[in-house]
Amino acid sequence: MTGRVIIVTGGSSGIGFEVCKYLAEGGNDVILACRSKEKGNDAVHRIKLLYPNALLQFMQVCMHILFIKCWLLQMNAHDVHHVYCVVHKGGRLLTGDCRSSVKLT
């Protein structure tokens, strides 16, 4: 995948961080979403050291899945008008109707 807006929750460490690196390297516009501003900004910095031209930004969010629709509505405040998919921490890919999810393998 290239050239798509992809949100990765829990992207400051672990699998989420690796997913952010992979997607950023592939030319996607990646939004690294997590609760900790310090950890999020650090993760963005580390990825940009590896891929200086990466389209990557941090967004501080509360990650309660019950509020995912409200959270997606907040994307307008960040000038994100089309989100291709959300990779939710724990390896869940959210597309289309946010109430449904598919477990990644």
C-alpha atoms as a PDB file:
ATOM      1  CA  MET A   1       0.000   0.000   0.000  1.00  0.00           C
ATOM      2  CA  THR A   2       1.201   3.479  -0.805  1.00  0.00           C
ATOM      3  CA  GLY A   3      -0.230   6.970  -0.733  1.00  0.00           C
ATOM      4  CA  ARG A   4      -3.040   6.297   1.717  1.00  0.00           C
ATOM      5  CA  VAL A   5      -3.936   7.866   5.050  1.00  0.00           C
ATOM      6  CA  ILE A   6      -3.598   5.156   7.683  1.00  0.00           C
ATOM      7  CA  ILE A   7      -4.090   5.578  11.415  1.00  0.00           C
ATOM      8  CA  VAL A   8      -2.155   3.251  13.714  1.00  0.00           C
ATOM      9  CA  THR A   9      -3.221   3.185  17.343  1.00  0.00           C
ATOM     10  CA  GLY A  10      -0.678   2.149  19.934  1.00  0.00           C
ATOM     11  CA  GLY A  11       2.038   3.079  17.441  1.00  0.00           C
ATOM     12  CA  SER A  12       4.592   4.290  19.958  1.00  0.00           C
ATOM     13  CA  SER A  13       5.960   0.830  20.774  1.00  0.00           C
ATOM     14  CA  GLY A  14       5.876  -2.863  19.960  1.00  0.00           C
ATOM     15  CA  ILE A  15       3.993  -4.159  16.956  1.00  0.00           C
ATOM     16  CA  GLY A  16       2.243  -0.818  16.433  1.00  0.00           C
ATOM     17  CA  PHE A  17       5.609   0.924  16.116  1.00  0.00           C
ATOM     18  CA  GLU A  18       6.803  -1.651  13.583  1.00  0.00           C
ATOM     19  CA  VAL A  19       3.571  -1.250  11.598  1.00  0.00           C
ATOM     20  CA  CYS A  20       4.116   2.536  11.543  1.00  0.00           C
ATOM     21  CA  LYS A  21       7.676   2.070  10.268  1.00  0.00           C
ATOM     22  CA  TYR A  22       6.556  -0.309   7.527  1.00  0.00           C
ATOM     23  CA  LEU A  23       3.700   1.903   6.366  1.00  0.00           C
ATOM     24  CA  ALA A  24       5.799   5.086   6.481  1.00  0.00           C
ATOM     25  CA  GLU A  25       8.553   3.419   4.463  1.00  0.00           C
ATOM     26  CA  GLY A  26       5.940   2.446   1.876  1.00  0.00           C
ATOM     27  CA  GLY A  27       4.947   6.058   1.219  1.00  0.00           C
ATOM     28  CA  ASN A  28       1.716   6.223   3.199  1.00  0.00           C
ATOM     29  CA  ASP A  29       0.532   9.193   5.236  1.00  0.00           C
ATOM     30  CA  VAL A  30       0.683   7.616   8.698  1.00  0.00           C
ATOM     31  CA  ILE A  31      -0.974   9.013  11.794  1.00  0.00           C
ATOM     32  CA  LEU A  32       0.628   7.498  14.873  1.00  0.00           C
ATOM     33  CA  ALA A  33      -2.070   7.663  17.531  1.00  0.00           C
ATOM     34  CA  CYS A  34      -1.454   6.990  21.202  1.00  0.00           C
ATOM     35  CA  ARG A  35      -2.150   8.370  24.661  1.00  0.00           C
ATOM     36  CA  SER A  36       1.328   9.548  25.639  1.00  0.00           C
ATOM     37  CA  LYS A  37       2.467  12.724  23.902  1.00  0.00           C
ATOM     38  CA  GLU A  38       6.073  12.088  24.932  1.00  0.00           C
ATOM     39  CA  LYS A  39       6.145   8.491  23.647  1.00  0.00           C
ATOM     40  CA  GLY A  40       4.283   9.407  20.466  1.00  0.00           C
ATOM     41  CA  ASN A  41       6.599  12.252  19.540  1.00  0.00           C
ATOM     42  CA  ASP A  42       9.621  10.075  20.346  1.00  0.00           C
ATOM     43  CA  ALA A  43       8.318   7.317  18.074  1.00  0.00           C
ATOM     44  CA  VAL A  44       7.743   9.781  15.219  1.00  0.00           C
ATOM     45  CA  HIS A  45      11.280  11.126  15.701  1.00  0.00           C
ATOM     46  CA  ARG A  46      12.803   7.614  15.612  1.00  0.00           C
ATOM     47  CA  ILE A  47      10.935   6.690  12.431  1.00  0.00           C
ATOM     48  CA  LYS A  48      11.853   9.968  10.721  1.00  0.00           C
ATOM     49  CA  LEU A  49      15.513   9.298  11.500  1.00  0.00           C
ATOM     50  CA  LEU A  50      15.181   6.093   9.467  1.00  0.00           C
ATOM     51  CA  TYR A  51      12.937   7.566   6.758  1.00  0.00           C
ATOM     52  CA  PRO A  52      13.464  11.353   6.592  1.00  0.00           C
ATOM     53  CA  ASN A  53      10.811  11.837   3.895  1.00  0.00           C
ATOM     54  CA  ALA A  54       8.162   9.870   5.774  1.00  0.00           C
ATOM     55  CA  LEU A  55       4.693  11.404   5.943  1.00  0.00           C
ATOM     56  CA  LEU A  56       4.150  10.752   9.618  1.00  0.00           C
ATOM     57  CA  GLN A  57       2.475  12.670  12.403  1.00  0.00           C
ATOM     58  CA  PHE A  58       1.534  12.062  16.015  1.00  0.00           C
ATOM     59  CA  MET A  59      -1.975  12.457  17.354  1.00  0.00           C
ATOM     60  CA  GLN A  60      -2.755  12.187  21.065  1.00  0.00           C
ATOM     61  CA  VAL A  61      -5.985  10.267  21.597  1.00  0.00           C
ATOM     62  CA  CYS A  62      -7.913   8.246  24.141  1.00  0.00           C
ATOM     63  CA  MET A  63      -8.081   4.723  22.764  1.00  0.00           C
ATOM     64  CA  HIS A  64     -11.407   3.432  24.076  1.00  0.00           C
ATOM     65  CA  ILE A  65     -12.844   1.433  21.164  1.00  0.00           C
ATOM     66  CA  LEU A  66     -16.367   2.534  22.136  1.00  0.00           C
ATOM     67  CA  PHE A  67     -15.456   6.082  21.135  1.00  0.00           C
ATOM     68  CA  ILE A  68     -13.812   5.242  17.807  1.00  0.00           C
ATOM     69  CA  LYS A  69     -16.521   6.937  15.720  1.00  0.00           C
ATOM     70  CA  CYS A  70     -16.227  10.167  17.721  1.00  0.00           C
ATOM     71  CA  TRP A  71     -12.469   9.925  17.383  1.00  0.00           C
ATOM     72  CA  LEU A  72     -12.680   9.544  13.617  1.00  0.00           C
ATOM     73  CA  LEU A  73     -14.890  12.625  13.474  1.00  0.00           C
ATOM     74  CA  GLN A  74     -12.067  14.543  15.180  1.00  0.00           C
ATOM     75  CA  MET A  75      -9.869  13.838  12.150  1.00  0.00           C
ATOM     76  CA  ASN A  76     -11.426  16.916  10.509  1.00  0.00           C
ATOM     77  CA  ALA A  77      -9.632  19.038  13.097  1.00  0.00           C
ATOM     78  CA  HIS A  78      -6.373  17.562  11.774  1.00  0.00           C
ATOM     79  CA  ASP A  79      -7.308  18.111   8.101  1.00  0.00           C
ATOM     80  CA  VAL A  80      -7.697  14.368   7.562  1.00  0.00           C
ATOM     81  CA  HIS A  81     -10.760  13.970   5.372  1.00  0.00           C
ATOM     82  CA  HIS A  82     -10.260  10.451   4.089  1.00  0.00           C
ATOM     83  CA  VAL A  83      -8.892   7.593   6.161  1.00  0.00           C
ATOM     84  CA  TYR A  84      -8.133   4.402   4.266  1.00  0.00           C
ATOM     85  CA  CYS A  85      -8.006   2.238   7.377  1.00  0.00           C
ATOM     86  CA  VAL A  86      -7.244   2.135  11.075  1.00  0.00           C
ATOM     87  CA  VAL A  87      -4.823  -0.436  12.454  1.00  0.00           C
ATOM     88  CA  HIS A  88      -5.954  -0.730  16.040  1.00  0.00           C
ATOM     89  CA  LYS A  89      -3.567  -1.922  18.742  1.00  0.00           C
ATOM     90  CA  GLY A  90      -3.674  -5.652  19.130  1.00  0.00           C
ATOM     91  CA  GLY A  91      -3.600  -6.161  15.358  1.00  0.00           C
ATOM     92  CA  ARG A  92      -7.165  -5.261  14.444  1.00  0.00           C
ATOM     93  CA  LEU A  93      -7.803  -3.555  11.127  1.00  0.00           C
ATOM     94  CA  LEU A  94     -10.859  -1.268  11.151  1.00  0.00           C
ATOM     95  CA  THR A  95     -12.319  -0.296   7.790  1.00  0.00           C
ATOM     96  CA  GLY A  96     -15.639   1.073   6.618  1.00  0.00           C
ATOM     97  CA  ASP A  97     -18.156   0.581   9.386  1.00  0.00           C
ATOM     98  CA  CYS A  98     -16.049   1.062  12.505  1.00  0.00           C
ATOM     99  CA  ARG A  99     -18.184  -1.373  14.477  1.00  0.00           C
ATOM    100  CA  SER A 100     -16.799  -4.286  12.517  1.00  0.00           C
ATOM    101  CA  SER A 101     -13.198  -5.382  12.682  1.00  0.00           C
ATOM    102  CA  VAL A 102     -11.080  -8.086  11.143  1.00  0.00           C
ATOM    103  CA  LYS A 103      -8.299  -9.793  13.081  1.00  0.00           C
ATOM    104  CA  LEU A 104      -5.011  -9.621  11.172  1.00  0.00           C
ATOM    105  CA  THR A 105      -2.955 -12.800  10.974  1.00  0.00           C
END
